[in-house]
């Protein structure tokens, strides 16, 4: 399962106020305001559910 996070329909020209280093090992940044999370299985997603929910909340706030 792959999930893509983005800061909007178009790439942002300004800095994106999100500290991706906090989420290393879960989130891979693929652009200044784009990231991806890949879970190899449903079990892997379930095991990291709390961390993933926290990531989503922080991303939305940014």
PDB file of N, CA and C in Angstrom:
ATOM      1  N   UNK A   1       0.855  -1.167   0.000  1.00  0.00           N
ATOM      2  CA  UNK A   1       0.000   0.000   0.000  1.00  0.00           C
ATOM      3  C   UNK A   1       0.901   1.228   0.000  1.00  0.00           C
ATOM      4  N   UNK A   2       0.656   2.140  -0.908  1.00  0.00           N
ATOM      5  CA  UNK A   2       1.426   3.371  -1.009  1.00  0.00           C
ATOM      6  C   UNK A   2       0.482   4.550  -0.851  1.00  0.00           C
ATOM      7  N   UNK A   3       0.878   5.500  -0.014  1.00  0.00           N
ATOM      8  CA  UNK A   3       0.090   6.713   0.185  1.00  0.00           C
ATOM      9  C   UNK A   3       0.973   7.900  -0.139  1.00  0.00           C
ATOM     10  N   UNK A   4       0.435   8.832  -0.899  1.00  0.00           N
ATOM     11  CA  UNK A   4       1.153  10.030  -1.289  1.00  0.00           C
ATOM     12  C   UNK A   4       0.589  11.216  -0.503  1.00  0.00           C
ATOM     13  N   UNK A   5       1.480  11.997   0.066  1.00  0.00           N
ATOM     14  CA  UNK A   5       1.119  13.220   0.784  1.00  0.00           C
ATOM     15  C   UNK A   5       1.595  14.398  -0.071  1.00  0.00           C
ATOM     16  N   UNK A   6       0.794  15.459  -0.151  1.00  0.00           N
ATOM     17  CA  UNK A   6       1.230  16.631  -0.891  1.00  0.00           C
ATOM     18  C   UNK A   6       0.677  17.882  -0.240  1.00  0.00           C
ATOM     19  N   UNK A   7       1.309  18.993  -0.550  1.00  0.00           N
ATOM     20  CA  UNK A   7       0.912  20.265   0.036  1.00  0.00           C
ATOM     21  C   UNK A   7      -0.126  21.011  -0.784  1.00  0.00           C
ATOM     22  N   UNK A   8      -0.569  20.435  -1.878  1.00  0.00           N
ATOM     23  CA  UNK A   8      -1.574  21.071  -2.722  1.00  0.00           C
ATOM     24  C   UNK A   8      -1.497  20.514  -4.130  1.00  0.00           C
ATOM     25  N   UNK A   9      -2.388  20.962  -4.975  1.00  0.00           N
ATOM     26  CA  UNK A   9      -2.435  20.459  -6.353  1.00  0.00           C
ATOM     27  C   UNK A   9      -1.179  20.834  -7.127  1.00  0.00           C
ATOM     28  N   UNK A  10      -0.633  22.010  -6.847  1.00  0.00           N
ATOM     29  CA  UNK A  10       0.597  22.462  -7.484  1.00  0.00           C
ATOM     30  C   UNK A  10       1.697  22.505  -6.431  1.00  0.00           C
ATOM     31  N   UNK A  11       2.923  22.297  -6.873  1.00  0.00           N
ATOM     32  CA  UNK A  11       4.055  22.371  -5.945  1.00  0.00           C
ATOM     33  C   UNK A  11       4.117  23.760  -5.327  1.00  0.00           C
ATOM     34  N   UNK A  12       4.401  23.806  -4.036  1.00  0.00           N
ATOM     35  CA  UNK A  12       4.490  25.081  -3.333  1.00  0.00           C
ATOM     36  C   UNK A  12       5.789  25.786  -3.690  1.00  0.00           C
ATOM     37  N   UNK A  13       5.713  27.092  -3.845  1.00  0.00           N
ATOM     38  CA  UNK A  13       6.917  27.869  -4.118  1.00  0.00           C
ATOM     39  C   UNK A  13       7.612  28.256  -2.824  1.00  0.00           C
ATOM     40  N   UNK A  14       6.865  28.422  -1.761  1.00  0.00           N
ATOM     41  CA  UNK A  14       7.431  28.757  -0.459  1.00  0.00           C
ATOM     42  C   UNK A  14       7.849  27.475   0.254  1.00  0.00           C
ATOM     43  N   UNK A  15       8.629  27.645   1.304  1.00  0.00           N
ATOM     44  CA  UNK A  15       9.020  26.487   2.105  1.00  0.00           C
ATOM     45  C   UNK A  15       7.789  25.850   2.731  1.00  0.00           C
ATOM     46  N   UNK A  16       7.820  24.541   2.805  1.00  0.00           N
ATOM     47  CA  UNK A  16       6.723  23.786   3.420  1.00  0.00           C
ATOM     48  C   UNK A  16       7.109  23.567   4.885  1.00  0.00           C
ATOM     49  N   UNK A  17       6.322  24.053   5.833  1.00  0.00           N
ATOM     50  CA  UNK A  17       6.701  24.012   7.253  1.00  0.00           C
ATOM     51  C   UNK A  17       6.454  22.640   7.900  1.00  0.00           C
ATOM     52  N   UNK A  18       7.214  21.669   7.463  1.00  0.00           N
ATOM     53  CA  UNK A  18       7.028  20.311   7.973  1.00  0.00           C
ATOM     54  C   UNK A  18       8.402  19.697   8.205  1.00  0.00           C
ATOM     55  N   UNK A  19       8.625  19.146   9.397  1.00  0.00           N
ATOM     56  CA  UNK A  19       9.906  18.525   9.726  1.00  0.00           C
ATOM     57  C   UNK A  19       9.852  17.035   9.414  1.00  0.00           C
ATOM     58  N   UNK A  20      10.279  16.684   8.216  1.00  0.00           N
ATOM     59  CA  UNK A  20      10.214  15.294   7.761  1.00  0.00           C
ATOM     60  C   UNK A  20      11.219  14.405   8.491  1.00  0.00           C
ATOM     61  N   UNK A  21      12.290  14.981   9.032  1.00  0.00           N
ATOM     62  CA  UNK A  21      13.308  14.167   9.699  1.00  0.00           C
ATOM     63  C   UNK A  21      12.730  13.416  10.901  1.00  0.00           C
ATOM     64  N   UNK A  22      11.700  13.959  11.480  1.00  0.00           N
ATOM     65  CA  UNK A  22      11.028  13.321  12.619  1.00  0.00           C
ATOM     66  C   UNK A  22      10.376  11.995  12.221  1.00  0.00           C
ATOM     67  N   UNK A  23      10.092  11.837  10.954  1.00  0.00           N
ATOM     68  CA  UNK A  23       9.332  10.683  10.466  1.00  0.00           C
ATOM     69  C   UNK A  23      10.174   9.739   9.607  1.00  0.00           C
ATOM     70  N   UNK A  24      11.498   9.844   9.692  1.00  0.00           N
ATOM     71  CA  UNK A  24      12.339   8.964   8.881  1.00  0.00           C
ATOM     72  C   UNK A  24      12.039   7.511   9.228  1.00  0.00           C
ATOM     73  N   UNK A  25      12.068   6.686   8.227  1.00  0.00           N
ATOM     74  CA  UNK A  25      11.707   5.291   8.416  1.00  0.00           C
ATOM     75  C   UNK A  25      10.234   5.019   8.144  1.00  0.00           C
ATOM     76  N   UNK A  26       9.446   6.073   8.097  1.00  0.00           N
ATOM     77  CA  UNK A  26       8.022   5.936   7.767  1.00  0.00           C
ATOM     78  C   UNK A  26       7.699   6.751   6.519  1.00  0.00           C
ATOM     79  N   UNK A  27       8.138   7.999   6.507  1.00  0.00           N
ATOM     80  CA  UNK A  27       7.846   8.917   5.409  1.00  0.00           C
ATOM     81  C   UNK A  27       9.106   9.152   4.587  1.00  0.00           C
ATOM     82  N   UNK A  28       8.968   9.037   3.279  1.00  0.00           N
ATOM     83  CA  UNK A  28      10.057   9.375   2.367  1.00  0.00           C
ATOM     84  C   UNK A  28       9.641  10.618   1.597  1.00  0.00           C
ATOM     85  N   UNK A  29      10.415  11.671   1.704  1.00  0.00           N
ATOM     86  CA  UNK A  29      10.110  12.892   0.968  1.00  0.00           C
ATOM     87  C   UNK A  29      10.512  12.696  -0.490  1.00  0.00           C
ATOM     88  N   UNK A  30       9.611  13.044  -1.392  1.00  0.00           N
ATOM     89  CA  UNK A  30       9.863  12.897  -2.828  1.00  0.00           C
ATOM     90  C   UNK A  30       9.778  14.257  -3.522  1.00  0.00           C
ATOM     91  N   UNK A  31       9.816  15.306  -2.746  1.00  0.00           N
ATOM     92  CA  UNK A  31       9.771  16.679  -3.219  1.00  0.00           C
ATOM     93  C   UNK A  31       9.737  17.583  -2.010  1.00  0.00           C
ATOM     94  N   UNK A  32       9.799  18.900  -2.242  1.00  0.00           N
ATOM     95  CA  UNK A  32       9.776  19.831  -1.098  1.00  0.00           C
ATOM     96  C   UNK A  32       8.484  19.729  -0.296  1.00  0.00           C
ATOM     97  N   UNK A  33       7.395  19.493  -0.981  1.00  0.00           N
ATOM     98  CA  UNK A  33       6.089  19.425  -0.315  1.00  0.00           C
ATOM     99  C   UNK A  33       5.346  18.147  -0.682  1.00  0.00           C
ATOM    100  N   UNK A  34       6.102  17.103  -0.979  1.00  0.00           N
ATOM    101  CA  UNK A  34       5.518  15.812  -1.349  1.00  0.00           C
ATOM    102  C   UNK A  34       6.244  14.704  -0.601  1.00  0.00           C
ATOM    103  N   UNK A  35       5.483  13.743  -0.131  1.00  0.00           N
ATOM    104  CA  UNK A  35       6.074  12.607   0.562  1.00  0.00           C
ATOM    105  C   UNK A  35       5.273  11.349   0.282  1.00  0.00           C
ATOM    106  N   UNK A  36       5.864  10.225   0.612  1.00  0.00           N
ATOM    107  CA  UNK A  36       5.150   8.967   0.430  1.00  0.00           C
ATOM    108  C   UNK A  36       5.424   8.043   1.613  1.00  0.00           C
ATOM    109  N   UNK A  37       4.427   7.251   1.898  1.00  0.00           N
ATOM    110  CA  UNK A  37       4.526   6.198   2.897  1.00  0.00           C
ATOM    111  C   UNK A  37       4.181   4.900   2.175  1.00  0.00           C
ATOM    112  N   UNK A  38       5.015   3.908   2.352  1.00  0.00           N
ATOM    113  CA  UNK A  38       4.770   2.604   1.731  1.00  0.00           C
ATOM    114  C   UNK A  38       4.720   1.547   2.825  1.00  0.00           C
ATOM    115  N   UNK A  39       3.624   0.834   2.871  1.00  0.00           N
ATOM    116  CA  UNK A  39       3.477  -0.308   3.764  1.00  0.00           C
ATOM    117  C   UNK A  39       3.502  -1.568   2.905  1.00  0.00           C
ATOM    118  N   UNK A  40       4.406  -2.498   3.180  1.00  0.00           N
ATOM    119  CA  UNK A  40       4.483  -3.708   2.370  1.00  0.00           C
ATOM    120  C   UNK A  40       3.309  -4.665   2.567  1.00  0.00           C
ATOM    121  N   UNK A  41       2.590  -4.493   3.676  1.00  0.00           N
ATOM    122  CA  UNK A  41       1.467  -5.393   3.956  1.00  0.00           C
ATOM    123  C   UNK A  41       0.489  -4.708   4.911  1.00  0.00           C
ATOM    124  N   UNK A  42      -0.695  -5.280   5.015  1.00  0.00           N
ATOM    125  CA  UNK A  42      -1.686  -4.772   5.961  1.00  0.00           C
ATOM    126  C   UNK A  42      -1.180  -4.908   7.389  1.00  0.00           C
ATOM    127  N   UNK A  43      -0.432  -5.964   7.651  1.00  0.00           N
ATOM    128  CA  UNK A  43       0.117  -6.183   8.987  1.00  0.00           C
ATOM    129  C   UNK A  43       1.113  -5.086   9.341  1.00  0.00           C
ATOM    130  N   UNK A  44       1.942  -4.695   8.382  1.00  0.00           N
ATOM    131  CA  UNK A  44       2.912  -3.624   8.614  1.00  0.00           C
ATOM    132  C   UNK A  44       2.193  -2.303   8.885  1.00  0.00           C
ATOM    133  N   UNK A  45       1.119  -2.039   8.148  1.00  0.00           N
ATOM    134  CA  UNK A  45       0.328  -0.826   8.362  1.00  0.00           C
ATOM    135  C   UNK A  45      -0.309  -0.839   9.743  1.00  0.00           C
ATOM    136  N   UNK A  46      -0.836  -1.958  10.134  1.00  0.00           N
ATOM    137  CA  UNK A  46      -1.470  -2.070  11.444  1.00  0.00           C
ATOM    138  C   UNK A  46      -0.450  -1.873  12.564  1.00  0.00           C
ATOM    139  N   UNK A  47       0.739  -2.395  12.391  1.00  0.00           N
ATOM    140  CA  UNK A  47       1.777  -2.290  13.415  1.00  0.00           C
ATOM    141  C   UNK A  47       2.223  -0.838  13.623  1.00  0.00           C
ATOM    142  N   UNK A  48       2.101  -0.004  12.594  1.00  0.00           N
ATOM    143  CA  UNK A  48       2.557   1.392  12.689  1.00  0.00           C
ATOM    144  C   UNK A  48       1.392   2.373  12.656  1.00  0.00           C
ATOM    145  N   UNK A  49       0.200   1.889  12.965  1.00  0.00           N
ATOM    146  CA  UNK A  49      -1.009   2.702  12.861  1.00  0.00           C
ATOM    147  C   UNK A  49      -0.934   3.979  13.695  1.00  0.00           C
ATOM    148  N   UNK A  50      -0.541   3.879  14.947  1.00  0.00           N
ATOM    149  CA  UNK A  50      -0.502   5.069  15.801  1.00  0.00           C
ATOM    150  C   UNK A  50       0.474   6.105  15.264  1.00  0.00           C
ATOM    151  N   UNK A  51       1.653   5.657  14.840  1.00  0.00           N
ATOM    152  CA  UNK A  51       2.656   6.561  14.293  1.00  0.00           C
ATOM    153  C   UNK A  51       2.141   7.203  12.993  1.00  0.00           C
ATOM    154  N   UNK A  52       1.468   6.415  12.165  1.00  0.00           N
ATOM    155  CA  UNK A  52       0.934   6.926  10.907  1.00  0.00           C
ATOM    156  C   UNK A  52      -0.137   7.980  11.153  1.00  0.00           C
ATOM    157  N   UNK A  53      -1.026   7.738  12.090  1.00  0.00           N
ATOM    158  CA  UNK A  53      -2.084   8.706  12.408  1.00  0.00           C
ATOM    159  C   UNK A  53      -1.459  10.008  12.908  1.00  0.00           C
ATOM    160  N   UNK A  54      -0.431   9.926  13.731  1.00  0.00           N
ATOM    161  CA  UNK A  54       0.255  11.116  14.213  1.00  0.00           C
ATOM    162  C   UNK A  54       0.903  11.877  13.051  1.00  0.00           C
ATOM    163  N   UNK A  55       1.492  11.154  12.111  1.00  0.00           N
ATOM    164  CA  UNK A  55       2.078  11.776  10.922  1.00  0.00           C
ATOM    165  C   UNK A  55       1.016  12.526  10.121  1.00  0.00           C
ATOM    166  N   UNK A  56      -0.113  11.894   9.871  1.00  0.00           N
ATOM    167  CA  UNK A  56      -1.197  12.525   9.112  1.00  0.00           C
ATOM    168  C   UNK A  56      -1.655  13.802   9.810  1.00  0.00           C
ATOM    169  N   UNK A  57      -1.831  13.758  11.111  1.00  0.00           N
ATOM    170  CA  UNK A  57      -2.279  14.946  11.857  1.00  0.00           C
ATOM    171  C   UNK A  57      -1.277  16.079  11.730  1.00  0.00           C
ATOM    172  N   UNK A  58       0.014  15.755  11.861  1.00  0.00           N
ATOM    173  CA  UNK A  58       1.033  16.796  11.753  1.00  0.00           C
ATOM    174  C   UNK A  58       1.110  17.353  10.330  1.00  0.00           C
ATOM    175  N   UNK A  59       1.002  16.495   9.324  1.00  0.00           N
ATOM    176  CA  UNK A  59       1.044  16.944   7.930  1.00  0.00           C
ATOM    177  C   UNK A  59      -0.111  17.910   7.654  1.00  0.00           C
ATOM    178  N   UNK A  60      -1.294  17.571   8.118  1.00  0.00           N
ATOM    179  CA  UNK A  60      -2.469  18.420   7.876  1.00  0.00           C
ATOM    180  C   UNK A  60      -2.299  19.784   8.539  1.00  0.00           C
ATOM    181  N   UNK A  61      -1.691  19.803   9.719  1.00  0.00           N
ATOM    182  CA  UNK A  61      -1.468  21.073  10.409  1.00  0.00           C
ATOM    183  C   UNK A  61      -0.453  21.949   9.677  1.00  0.00           C
ATOM    184  N   UNK A  62       0.478  21.325   8.949  1.00  0.00           N
ATOM    185  CA  UNK A  62       1.521  22.098   8.233  1.00  0.00           C
ATOM    186  C   UNK A  62       0.869  22.815   7.078  1.00  0.00           C
TER     187      UNK A  62
END
